[in-house]
Protein backbone atom coordinates (compact mmCIF):
# COMPACT_ATOMS: atom_id res chain seq x y z
CA UNK A 1 0.00 0.00 0.00
CA UNK A 2 2.89 2.34 0.77
CA UNK A 3 4.33 1.82 -2.71
CA UNK A 4 0.92 2.58 -4.24
CA UNK A 5 0.69 5.87 -2.30
CA UNK A 6 4.24 6.77 -3.34
CA UNK A 7 3.34 6.09 -6.97
CA UNK A 8 0.34 8.41 -6.70
CA UNK A 9 2.42 11.14 -5.03
CA UNK A 10 5.19 10.81 -7.61
CA UNK A 11 2.65 11.02 -10.42
CA UNK A 12 1.09 14.16 -8.94
CA UNK A 13 4.56 15.70 -8.59
CA UNK A 14 5.06 15.30 -12.36
CA UNK A 15 2.76 18.29 -12.88
CA UNK A 16 5.23 20.62 -11.14
CA UNK A 17 7.59 20.61 -14.13
CA UNK A 18 6.91 23.05 -16.96
CA UNK A 19 8.32 20.68 -19.60
CA UNK A 20 5.89 18.00 -18.50
CA UNK A 21 2.93 20.39 -18.68
CA UNK A 22 4.00 21.48 -22.18
CA UNK A 23 4.24 17.85 -23.31
CA UNK A 24 0.76 17.19 -21.90
CA UNK A 25 -0.54 20.14 -23.92
CA UNK A 26 1.13 18.86 -27.08
CA UNK A 27 -0.25 15.37 -26.50
CA UNK A 28 -3.74 16.83 -25.99
CA UNK A 29 -3.50 18.70 -29.29
CA UNK A 30 -2.25 15.58 -31.08
CA UNK A 31 -5.06 13.51 -29.56
CA UNK A 32 -7.69 15.99 -30.76
CA UNK A 33 -6.21 16.01 -34.27
CA UNK A 34 -6.08 12.20 -34.40
CA UNK A 35 -9.63 11.98 -33.02
CA UNK A 36 -10.89 14.38 -35.67
CA UNK A 37 -9.11 12.99 -38.71
CA UNK A 38 -8.02 9.42 -37.90
CA UNK A 39 -11.03 7.56 -36.55
CA UNK A 40 -13.38 5.12 -38.24
CA UNK A 41 -16.93 4.43 -37.08
CA UNK A 42 -18.07 0.84 -37.57
CA UNK A 43 -21.76 1.08 -36.91
CA UNK A 44 -23.30 3.30 -34.26
CA UNK A 45 -21.63 1.61 -31.26
CA UNK A 46 -18.09 0.77 -32.40
CA UNK A 47 -15.39 3.31 -33.21
CA UNK A 48 -11.77 2.56 -34.12
CA UNK A 49 -9.25 5.35 -33.73
CA UNK A 50 -5.73 6.36 -32.82
CA UNK A 51 -6.46 9.34 -30.59
CA UNK A 52 -5.77 7.31 -27.45
CA UNK A 53 -2.04 6.90 -28.25
CA UNK A 54 -1.13 10.37 -26.91
CA UNK A 55 -3.16 9.58 -23.78
CA UNK A 56 -1.22 6.37 -23.22
CA UNK A 57 2.07 8.25 -23.66
CA UNK A 58 1.02 10.68 -20.91
CA UNK A 59 -0.12 7.78 -18.71
CA UNK A 60 3.19 5.99 -19.13
CA UNK A 61 5.44 9.01 -18.67
CA UNK A 62 3.56 10.80 -15.88
CA UNK A 63 1.61 8.12 -14.03
CA UNK A 64 -1.91 7.37 -12.85
CA UNK A 65 -2.84 10.70 -11.27
CA UNK A 66 -1.80 12.78 -14.28
CA UNK A 67 -3.25 10.13 -16.61
CA UNK A 68 -6.59 10.27 -14.81
CA UNK A 69 -6.77 14.08 -14.86
CA UNK A 70 -5.49 14.27 -18.44
CA UNK A 71 -8.03 11.68 -19.63
CA UNK A 72 -10.97 13.45 -18.00
CA UNK A 73 -9.98 16.94 -19.15
CA UNK A 74 -9.24 15.76 -22.66
CA UNK A 75 -12.56 13.92 -22.93
CA UNK A 76 -14.40 17.12 -22.06
CA UNK A 77 -12.25 19.15 -24.47
CA UNK A 78 -12.81 16.66 -27.32
CA UNK A 79 -16.54 16.85 -26.73
CA UNK A 80 -16.45 20.64 -26.94
CA UNK A 81 -14.31 20.58 -30.11
CA UNK A 82 -16.14 17.79 -31.95
CA UNK A 83 -19.21 16.33 -30.28
CA UNK A 84 -20.15 12.99 -31.83
CA UNK A 85 -23.23 12.32 -29.79
CA UNK A 86 -24.79 13.49 -26.54
CA UNK A 87 -22.54 14.24 -23.58
CA UNK A 88 -22.58 11.47 -20.98
CA UNK A 89 -20.34 11.59 -17.92
CA UNK A 90 -19.86 7.82 -17.99
CA UNK A 91 -17.51 8.19 -20.97
CA UNK A 92 -15.51 10.87 -19.13
CA UNK A 93 -15.27 8.49 -16.17
CA UNK A 94 -14.01 5.79 -18.56
CA UNK A 95 -11.32 8.11 -19.93
CA UNK A 96 -10.22 8.89 -16.38
CA UNK A 97 -10.26 5.24 -15.33
CA UNK A 98 -8.29 4.19 -18.43
CA UNK A 99 -5.64 6.83 -17.67
CA UNK A 100 -5.41 5.61 -14.10
CA UNK A 101 -5.15 1.94 -15.07
CA UNK A 102 -2.53 2.47 -17.77
CA UNK A 103 -0.62 4.74 -15.40
CA UNK A 104 -0.60 2.14 -12.61
CA UNK A 105 0.58 -0.61 -14.96
CA UNK A 106 3.14 1.33 -17.04
CA UNK A 107 4.46 4.24 -14.94
CA UNK A 108 8.12 3.85 -13.90
CA UNK A 109 8.11 0.22 -14.94
CA UNK A 110 10.33 -1.48 -17.53
CA UNK A 111 8.71 -1.24 -20.94
CA UNK A 112 8.11 -4.80 -22.11
CA UNK A 113 5.55 -6.02 -24.59
CA UNK A 114 4.01 -8.30 -21.93
CA UNK A 115 3.35 -5.30 -19.68
CA UNK A 116 1.79 -3.36 -22.57
CA UNK A 117 -0.35 -6.41 -23.41
CA UNK A 118 -1.47 -6.62 -19.76
CA UNK A 119 -2.36 -2.92 -19.73
CA UNK A 120 -4.31 -3.25 -22.97
CA UNK A 121 -6.11 -6.37 -21.74
CA UNK A 122 -7.12 -4.85 -18.40
CA UNK A 123 -8.36 -1.68 -20.08
CA UNK A 124 -10.28 -3.54 -22.78
CA UNK A 125 -11.88 -5.87 -20.24
CA UNK A 126 -12.84 -3.34 -17.55
CA UNK A 127 -13.30 -0.09 -19.45
CA UNK A 128 -14.19 -1.00 -23.04
CA UNK A 129 -16.20 -4.20 -22.57
CA UNK A 130 -17.50 -3.45 -19.08
CA UNK A 131 -18.22 0.20 -18.43
CA UNK A 132 -18.41 1.45 -22.04
CA UNK A 133 -20.92 -1.24 -22.93
CA UNK A 134 -22.94 -0.35 -19.83
CA UNK A 135 -22.96 3.35 -20.71
CA UNK A 136 -23.98 2.67 -24.32
CA UNK A 137 -26.72 0.37 -23.04
CA UNK A 138 -28.03 3.07 -20.71
CA UNK A 139 -27.65 5.91 -23.20
CA UNK A 140 -29.25 4.23 -26.19
CA UNK A 141 -31.66 1.88 -24.44
CA UNK A 142 -30.09 -1.26 -25.89
CA UNK A 143 -29.65 -4.40 -23.82
CA UNK A 144 -26.18 -4.83 -22.31
CA UNK A 145 -25.95 -8.45 -23.44
CA UNK A 146 -27.15 -7.52 -26.92
CA UNK A 147 -24.20 -5.14 -27.34
CA UNK A 148 -21.67 -7.22 -25.42
CA UNK A 149 -20.77 -9.89 -28.05
CA UNK A 150 -19.88 -7.37 -30.78
CA UNK A 151 -17.84 -5.31 -28.32
CA UNK A 152 -15.99 -8.40 -27.06
CA UNK A 153 -15.21 -9.42 -30.65
CA UNK A 154 -13.99 -5.95 -31.59
CA UNK A 155 -11.75 -5.76 -28.50
CA UNK A 156 -10.36 -9.28 -29.06
CA UNK A 157 -9.47 -8.34 -32.62
CA UNK A 158 -7.95 -5.01 -31.57
CA UNK A 159 -5.99 -6.37 -28.57
CA UNK A 160 -2.90 -7.59 -30.48
CA UNK A 161 -3.04 -4.68 -32.93
CA UNK A 162 -3.30 -2.05 -30.18
CA UNK A 163 -0.59 -3.80 -28.18
CA UNK A 164 1.91 -3.67 -31.05
CA UNK A 165 1.08 -0.06 -31.94
CA UNK A 166 1.27 1.08 -28.31
CA UNK A 167 4.49 -0.81 -27.60
CA UNK A 168 6.28 0.83 -30.52
CA UNK A 169 4.81 4.27 -29.75
CA UNK A 170 5.87 4.02 -26.09
CA UNK A 171 9.32 2.70 -27.01
CA UNK A 172 9.90 5.67 -29.28
CA UNK A 173 8.43 8.15 -26.82
CA UNK A 174 10.49 6.85 -23.91
CA UNK A 175 13.67 7.32 -25.95
CA UNK A 176 12.64 10.88 -26.81
CA UNK A 177 11.56 11.58 -23.22
CA UNK A 178 14.87 10.34 -21.86
CA UNK A 179 16.79 12.48 -24.33
CA UNK A 180 14.82 15.66 -23.54
CA UNK A 181 14.25 15.04 -19.83
CA UNK A 182 10.47 14.56 -19.74
CA UNK A 183 9.07 12.62 -16.81
CA UNK A 184 11.11 11.45 -13.87
CA UNK A 185 13.26 8.34 -13.93
CA UNK A 186 12.16 7.09 -17.32
CA UNK A 187 12.59 3.32 -17.31
CA UNK A 188 13.60 1.68 -20.56
CA UNK A 189 13.20 -1.97 -21.50
CA UNK A 190 16.88 -2.61 -20.68
CA UNK A 191 16.42 -1.47 -17.05
C-alpha atoms as a PDB file:
ATOM      1  CA  UNK A   1       0.000   0.000   0.000  1.00  0.00           C
ATOM      2  CA  UNK A   2       2.886   2.337   0.773  1.00  0.00           C
ATOM      3  CA  UNK A   3       4.333   1.818  -2.713  1.00  0.00           C
ATOM      4  CA  UNK A   4       0.919   2.578  -4.237  1.00  0.00           C
ATOM      5  CA  UNK A   5       0.687   5.868  -2.296  1.00  0.00           C
ATOM      6  CA  UNK A   6       4.242   6.769  -3.342  1.00  0.00           C
ATOM      7  CA  UNK A   7       3.344   6.090  -6.969  1.00  0.00           C
ATOM      8  CA  UNK A   8       0.342   8.414  -6.704  1.00  0.00           C
ATOM      9  CA  UNK A   9       2.416  11.140  -5.030  1.00  0.00           C
ATOM     10  CA  UNK A  10       5.187  10.810  -7.611  1.00  0.00           C
ATOM     11  CA  UNK A  11       2.649  11.019 -10.416  1.00  0.00           C
ATOM     12  CA  UNK A  12       1.087  14.157  -8.937  1.00  0.00           C
ATOM     13  CA  UNK A  13       4.558  15.695  -8.594  1.00  0.00           C
ATOM     14  CA  UNK A  14       5.064  15.299 -12.363  1.00  0.00           C
ATOM     15  CA  UNK A  15       2.759  18.293 -12.878  1.00  0.00           C
ATOM     16  CA  UNK A  16       5.234  20.617 -11.138  1.00  0.00           C
ATOM     17  CA  UNK A  17       7.594  20.609 -14.129  1.00  0.00           C
ATOM     18  CA  UNK A  18       6.915  23.052 -16.955  1.00  0.00           C
ATOM     19  CA  UNK A  19       8.321  20.681 -19.604  1.00  0.00           C
ATOM     20  CA  UNK A  20       5.892  17.998 -18.498  1.00  0.00           C
ATOM     21  CA  UNK A  21       2.930  20.394 -18.683  1.00  0.00           C
ATOM     22  CA  UNK A  22       3.999  21.479 -22.177  1.00  0.00           C
ATOM     23  CA  UNK A  23       4.240  17.855 -23.307  1.00  0.00           C
ATOM     24  CA  UNK A  24       0.756  17.192 -21.897  1.00  0.00           C
ATOM     25  CA  UNK A  25      -0.543  20.140 -23.924  1.00  0.00           C
ATOM     26  CA  UNK A  26       1.128  18.862 -27.083  1.00  0.00           C
ATOM     27  CA  UNK A  27      -0.254  15.366 -26.505  1.00  0.00           C
ATOM     28  CA  UNK A  28      -3.741  16.834 -25.992  1.00  0.00           C
ATOM     29  CA  UNK A  29      -3.502  18.701 -29.291  1.00  0.00           C
ATOM     30  CA  UNK A  30      -2.254  15.575 -31.076  1.00  0.00           C
ATOM     31  CA  UNK A  31      -5.056  13.512 -29.563  1.00  0.00           C
ATOM     32  CA  UNK A  32      -7.693  15.992 -30.762  1.00  0.00           C
ATOM     33  CA  UNK A  33      -6.207  16.011 -34.268  1.00  0.00           C
ATOM     34  CA  UNK A  34      -6.081  12.204 -34.400  1.00  0.00           C
ATOM     35  CA  UNK A  35      -9.627  11.982 -33.021  1.00  0.00           C
ATOM     36  CA  UNK A  36     -10.889  14.379 -35.667  1.00  0.00           C
ATOM     37  CA  UNK A  37      -9.106  12.991 -38.715  1.00  0.00           C
ATOM     38  CA  UNK A  38      -8.022   9.423 -37.903  1.00  0.00           C
ATOM     39  CA  UNK A  39     -11.033   7.564 -36.546  1.00  0.00           C
ATOM     40  CA  UNK A  40     -13.376   5.124 -38.240  1.00  0.00           C
ATOM     41  CA  UNK A  41     -16.925   4.428 -37.082  1.00  0.00           C
ATOM     42  CA  UNK A  42     -18.065   0.839 -37.568  1.00  0.00           C
ATOM     43  CA  UNK A  43     -21.757   1.082 -36.914  1.00  0.00           C
ATOM     44  CA  UNK A  44     -23.296   3.299 -34.257  1.00  0.00           C
ATOM     45  CA  UNK A  45     -21.633   1.608 -31.259  1.00  0.00           C
ATOM     46  CA  UNK A  46     -18.094   0.765 -32.398  1.00  0.00           C
ATOM     47  CA  UNK A  47     -15.385   3.309 -33.206  1.00  0.00           C
ATOM     48  CA  UNK A  48     -11.766   2.556 -34.118  1.00  0.00           C
ATOM     49  CA  UNK A  49      -9.250   5.348 -33.733  1.00  0.00           C
ATOM     50  CA  UNK A  50      -5.725   6.365 -32.821  1.00  0.00           C
ATOM     51  CA  UNK A  51      -6.462   9.337 -30.592  1.00  0.00           C
ATOM     52  CA  UNK A  52      -5.767   7.313 -27.455  1.00  0.00           C
ATOM     53  CA  UNK A  53      -2.043   6.898 -28.248  1.00  0.00           C
ATOM     54  CA  UNK A  54      -1.126  10.368 -26.912  1.00  0.00           C
ATOM     55  CA  UNK A  55      -3.164   9.579 -23.780  1.00  0.00           C
ATOM     56  CA  UNK A  56      -1.217   6.368 -23.221  1.00  0.00           C
ATOM     57  CA  UNK A  57       2.070   8.248 -23.663  1.00  0.00           C
ATOM     58  CA  UNK A  58       1.023  10.679 -20.913  1.00  0.00           C
ATOM     59  CA  UNK A  59      -0.123   7.785 -18.706  1.00  0.00           C
ATOM     60  CA  UNK A  60       3.195   5.988 -19.128  1.00  0.00           C
ATOM     61  CA  UNK A  61       5.436   9.014 -18.666  1.00  0.00           C
ATOM     62  CA  UNK A  62       3.564  10.795 -15.885  1.00  0.00           C
ATOM     63  CA  UNK A  63       1.606   8.122 -14.034  1.00  0.00           C
ATOM     64  CA  UNK A  64      -1.910   7.366 -12.850  1.00  0.00           C
ATOM     65  CA  UNK A  65      -2.841  10.702 -11.275  1.00  0.00           C
ATOM     66  CA  UNK A  66      -1.800  12.778 -14.282  1.00  0.00           C
ATOM     67  CA  UNK A  67      -3.252  10.126 -16.611  1.00  0.00           C
ATOM     68  CA  UNK A  68      -6.592  10.274 -14.812  1.00  0.00           C
ATOM     69  CA  UNK A  69      -6.766  14.084 -14.858  1.00  0.00           C
ATOM     70  CA  UNK A  70      -5.494  14.270 -18.440  1.00  0.00           C
ATOM     71  CA  UNK A  71      -8.031  11.685 -19.634  1.00  0.00           C
ATOM     72  CA  UNK A  72     -10.966  13.455 -17.997  1.00  0.00           C
ATOM     73  CA  UNK A  73      -9.982  16.942 -19.147  1.00  0.00           C
ATOM     74  CA  UNK A  74      -9.240  15.757 -22.664  1.00  0.00           C
ATOM     75  CA  UNK A  75     -12.561  13.920 -22.932  1.00  0.00           C
ATOM     76  CA  UNK A  76     -14.398  17.124 -22.064  1.00  0.00           C
ATOM     77  CA  UNK A  77     -12.249  19.146 -24.473  1.00  0.00           C
ATOM     78  CA  UNK A  78     -12.807  16.657 -27.316  1.00  0.00           C
ATOM     79  CA  UNK A  79     -16.544  16.846 -26.731  1.00  0.00           C
ATOM     80  CA  UNK A  80     -16.450  20.641 -26.943  1.00  0.00           C
ATOM     81  CA  UNK A  81     -14.315  20.578 -30.113  1.00  0.00           C
ATOM     82  CA  UNK A  82     -16.138  17.787 -31.953  1.00  0.00           C
ATOM     83  CA  UNK A  83     -19.212  16.328 -30.279  1.00  0.00           C
ATOM     84  CA  UNK A  84     -20.146  12.993 -31.834  1.00  0.00           C
ATOM     85  CA  UNK A  85     -23.234  12.317 -29.786  1.00  0.00           C
ATOM     86  CA  UNK A  86     -24.785  13.486 -26.540  1.00  0.00           C
ATOM     87  CA  UNK A  87     -22.538  14.241 -23.579  1.00  0.00           C
ATOM     88  CA  UNK A  88     -22.576  11.472 -20.985  1.00  0.00           C
ATOM     89  CA  UNK A  89     -20.337  11.592 -17.919  1.00  0.00           C
ATOM     90  CA  UNK A  90     -19.861   7.823 -17.994  1.00  0.00           C
ATOM     91  CA  UNK A  91     -17.508   8.189 -20.966  1.00  0.00           C
ATOM     92  CA  UNK A  92     -15.513  10.866 -19.128  1.00  0.00           C
ATOM     93  CA  UNK A  93     -15.268   8.490 -16.173  1.00  0.00           C
ATOM     94  CA  UNK A  94     -14.013   5.790 -18.558  1.00  0.00           C
ATOM     95  CA  UNK A  95     -11.316   8.108 -19.927  1.00  0.00           C
ATOM     96  CA  UNK A  96     -10.218   8.888 -16.378  1.00  0.00           C
ATOM     97  CA  UNK A  97     -10.259   5.238 -15.332  1.00  0.00           C
ATOM     98  CA  UNK A  98      -8.285   4.192 -18.427  1.00  0.00           C
ATOM     99  CA  UNK A  99      -5.636   6.826 -17.674  1.00  0.00           C
ATOM    100  CA  UNK A 100      -5.409   5.615 -14.101  1.00  0.00           C
ATOM    101  CA  UNK A 101      -5.151   1.937 -15.071  1.00  0.00           C
ATOM    102  CA  UNK A 102      -2.526   2.474 -17.766  1.00  0.00           C
ATOM    103  CA  UNK A 103      -0.616   4.740 -15.397  1.00  0.00           C
ATOM    104  CA  UNK A 104      -0.600   2.140 -12.613  1.00  0.00           C
ATOM    105  CA  UNK A 105       0.581  -0.607 -14.959  1.00  0.00           C
ATOM    106  CA  UNK A 106       3.135   1.334 -17.044  1.00  0.00           C
ATOM    107  CA  UNK A 107       4.465   4.239 -14.939  1.00  0.00           C
ATOM    108  CA  UNK A 108       8.118   3.853 -13.896  1.00  0.00           C
ATOM    109  CA  UNK A 109       8.115   0.217 -14.945  1.00  0.00           C
ATOM    110  CA  UNK A 110      10.329  -1.480 -17.529  1.00  0.00           C
ATOM    111  CA  UNK A 111       8.706  -1.235 -20.938  1.00  0.00           C
ATOM    112  CA  UNK A 112       8.105  -4.798 -22.105  1.00  0.00           C
ATOM    113  CA  UNK A 113       5.552  -6.019 -24.589  1.00  0.00           C
ATOM    114  CA  UNK A 114       4.013  -8.304 -21.931  1.00  0.00           C
ATOM    115  CA  UNK A 115       3.346  -5.305 -19.679  1.00  0.00           C
ATOM    116  CA  UNK A 116       1.793  -3.357 -22.570  1.00  0.00           C
ATOM    117  CA  UNK A 117      -0.352  -6.407 -23.412  1.00  0.00           C
ATOM    118  CA  UNK A 118      -1.468  -6.623 -19.765  1.00  0.00           C
ATOM    119  CA  UNK A 119      -2.364  -2.916 -19.729  1.00  0.00           C
ATOM    120  CA  UNK A 120      -4.308  -3.248 -22.972  1.00  0.00           C
ATOM    121  CA  UNK A 121      -6.107  -6.372 -21.745  1.00  0.00           C
ATOM    122  CA  UNK A 122      -7.119  -4.848 -18.396  1.00  0.00           C
ATOM    123  CA  UNK A 123      -8.356  -1.680 -20.085  1.00  0.00           C
ATOM    124  CA  UNK A 124     -10.280  -3.535 -22.778  1.00  0.00           C
ATOM    125  CA  UNK A 125     -11.877  -5.865 -20.239  1.00  0.00           C
ATOM    126  CA  UNK A 126     -12.840  -3.339 -17.551  1.00  0.00           C
ATOM    127  CA  UNK A 127     -13.303  -0.089 -19.448  1.00  0.00           C
ATOM    128  CA  UNK A 128     -14.194  -1.001 -23.039  1.00  0.00           C
ATOM    129  CA  UNK A 129     -16.205  -4.197 -22.570  1.00  0.00           C
ATOM    130  CA  UNK A 130     -17.504  -3.451 -19.085  1.00  0.00           C
ATOM    131  CA  UNK A 131     -18.219   0.205 -18.431  1.00  0.00           C
ATOM    132  CA  UNK A 132     -18.407   1.454 -22.039  1.00  0.00           C
ATOM    133  CA  UNK A 133     -20.921  -1.241 -22.926  1.00  0.00           C
ATOM    134  CA  UNK A 134     -22.942  -0.354 -19.831  1.00  0.00           C
ATOM    135  CA  UNK A 135     -22.962   3.354 -20.711  1.00  0.00           C
ATOM    136  CA  UNK A 136     -23.976   2.671 -24.317  1.00  0.00           C
ATOM    137  CA  UNK A 137     -26.719   0.373 -23.040  1.00  0.00           C
ATOM    138  CA  UNK A 138     -28.035   3.073 -20.707  1.00  0.00           C
ATOM    139  CA  UNK A 139     -27.653   5.915 -23.195  1.00  0.00           C
ATOM    140  CA  UNK A 140     -29.251   4.232 -26.192  1.00  0.00           C
ATOM    141  CA  UNK A 141     -31.663   1.880 -24.439  1.00  0.00           C
ATOM    142  CA  UNK A 142     -30.086  -1.255 -25.889  1.00  0.00           C
ATOM    143  CA  UNK A 143     -29.650  -4.401 -23.823  1.00  0.00           C
ATOM    144  CA  UNK A 144     -26.177  -4.834 -22.307  1.00  0.00           C
ATOM    145  CA  UNK A 145     -25.949  -8.449 -23.435  1.00  0.00           C
ATOM    146  CA  UNK A 146     -27.148  -7.520 -26.922  1.00  0.00           C
ATOM    147  CA  UNK A 147     -24.197  -5.138 -27.343  1.00  0.00           C
ATOM    148  CA  UNK A 148     -21.666  -7.219 -25.420  1.00  0.00           C
ATOM    149  CA  UNK A 149     -20.771  -9.894 -28.050  1.00  0.00           C
ATOM    150  CA  UNK A 150     -19.885  -7.367 -30.780  1.00  0.00           C
ATOM    151  CA  UNK A 151     -17.843  -5.306 -28.318  1.00  0.00           C
ATOM    152  CA  UNK A 152     -15.989  -8.397 -27.064  1.00  0.00           C
ATOM    153  CA  UNK A 153     -15.208  -9.425 -30.649  1.00  0.00           C
ATOM    154  CA  UNK A 154     -13.989  -5.945 -31.586  1.00  0.00           C
ATOM    155  CA  UNK A 155     -11.750  -5.765 -28.495  1.00  0.00           C
ATOM    156  CA  UNK A 156     -10.356  -9.276 -29.056  1.00  0.00           C
ATOM    157  CA  UNK A 157      -9.469  -8.345 -32.617  1.00  0.00           C
ATOM    158  CA  UNK A 158      -7.953  -5.014 -31.567  1.00  0.00           C
ATOM    159  CA  UNK A 159      -5.989  -6.368 -28.568  1.00  0.00           C
ATOM    160  CA  UNK A 160      -2.898  -7.588 -30.476  1.00  0.00           C
ATOM    161  CA  UNK A 161      -3.043  -4.679 -32.932  1.00  0.00           C
ATOM    162  CA  UNK A 162      -3.304  -2.051 -30.181  1.00  0.00           C
ATOM    163  CA  UNK A 163      -0.589  -3.801 -28.177  1.00  0.00           C
ATOM    164  CA  UNK A 164       1.906  -3.673 -31.052  1.00  0.00           C
ATOM    165  CA  UNK A 165       1.080  -0.060 -31.944  1.00  0.00           C
ATOM    166  CA  UNK A 166       1.270   1.078 -28.315  1.00  0.00           C
ATOM    167  CA  UNK A 167       4.487  -0.815 -27.604  1.00  0.00           C
ATOM    168  CA  UNK A 168       6.277   0.830 -30.523  1.00  0.00           C
ATOM    169  CA  UNK A 169       4.811   4.268 -29.750  1.00  0.00           C
ATOM    170  CA  UNK A 170       5.874   4.024 -26.089  1.00  0.00           C
ATOM    171  CA  UNK A 171       9.320   2.699 -27.007  1.00  0.00           C
ATOM    172  CA  UNK A 172       9.901   5.674 -29.283  1.00  0.00           C
ATOM    173  CA  UNK A 173       8.430   8.145 -26.816  1.00  0.00           C
ATOM    174  CA  UNK A 174      10.492   6.853 -23.907  1.00  0.00           C
ATOM    175  CA  UNK A 175      13.668   7.322 -25.952  1.00  0.00           C
ATOM    176  CA  UNK A 176      12.644  10.877 -26.809  1.00  0.00           C
ATOM    177  CA  UNK A 177      11.559  11.581 -23.220  1.00  0.00           C
ATOM    178  CA  UNK A 178      14.869  10.337 -21.861  1.00  0.00           C
ATOM    179  CA  UNK A 179      16.790  12.481 -24.330  1.00  0.00           C
ATOM    180  CA  UNK A 180      14.821  15.655 -23.541  1.00  0.00           C
ATOM    181  CA  UNK A 181      14.246  15.045 -19.828  1.00  0.00           C
ATOM    182  CA  UNK A 182      10.467  14.556 -19.742  1.00  0.00           C
ATOM    183  CA  UNK A 183       9.075  12.624 -16.807  1.00  0.00           C
ATOM    184  CA  UNK A 184      11.112  11.448 -13.869  1.00  0.00           C
ATOM    185  CA  UNK A 185      13.258   8.341 -13.929  1.00  0.00           C
ATOM    186  CA  UNK A 186      12.160   7.093 -17.316  1.00  0.00           C
ATOM    187  CA  UNK A 187      12.588   3.316 -17.311  1.00  0.00           C
ATOM    188  CA  UNK A 188      13.602   1.675 -20.559  1.00  0.00           C
ATOM    189  CA  UNK A 189      13.202  -1.970 -21.501  1.00  0.00           C
ATOM    190  CA  UNK A 190      16.880  -2.613 -20.683  1.00  0.00           C
ATOM    191  CA  UNK A 191      16.420  -1.473 -17.045  1.00  0.00           C
END
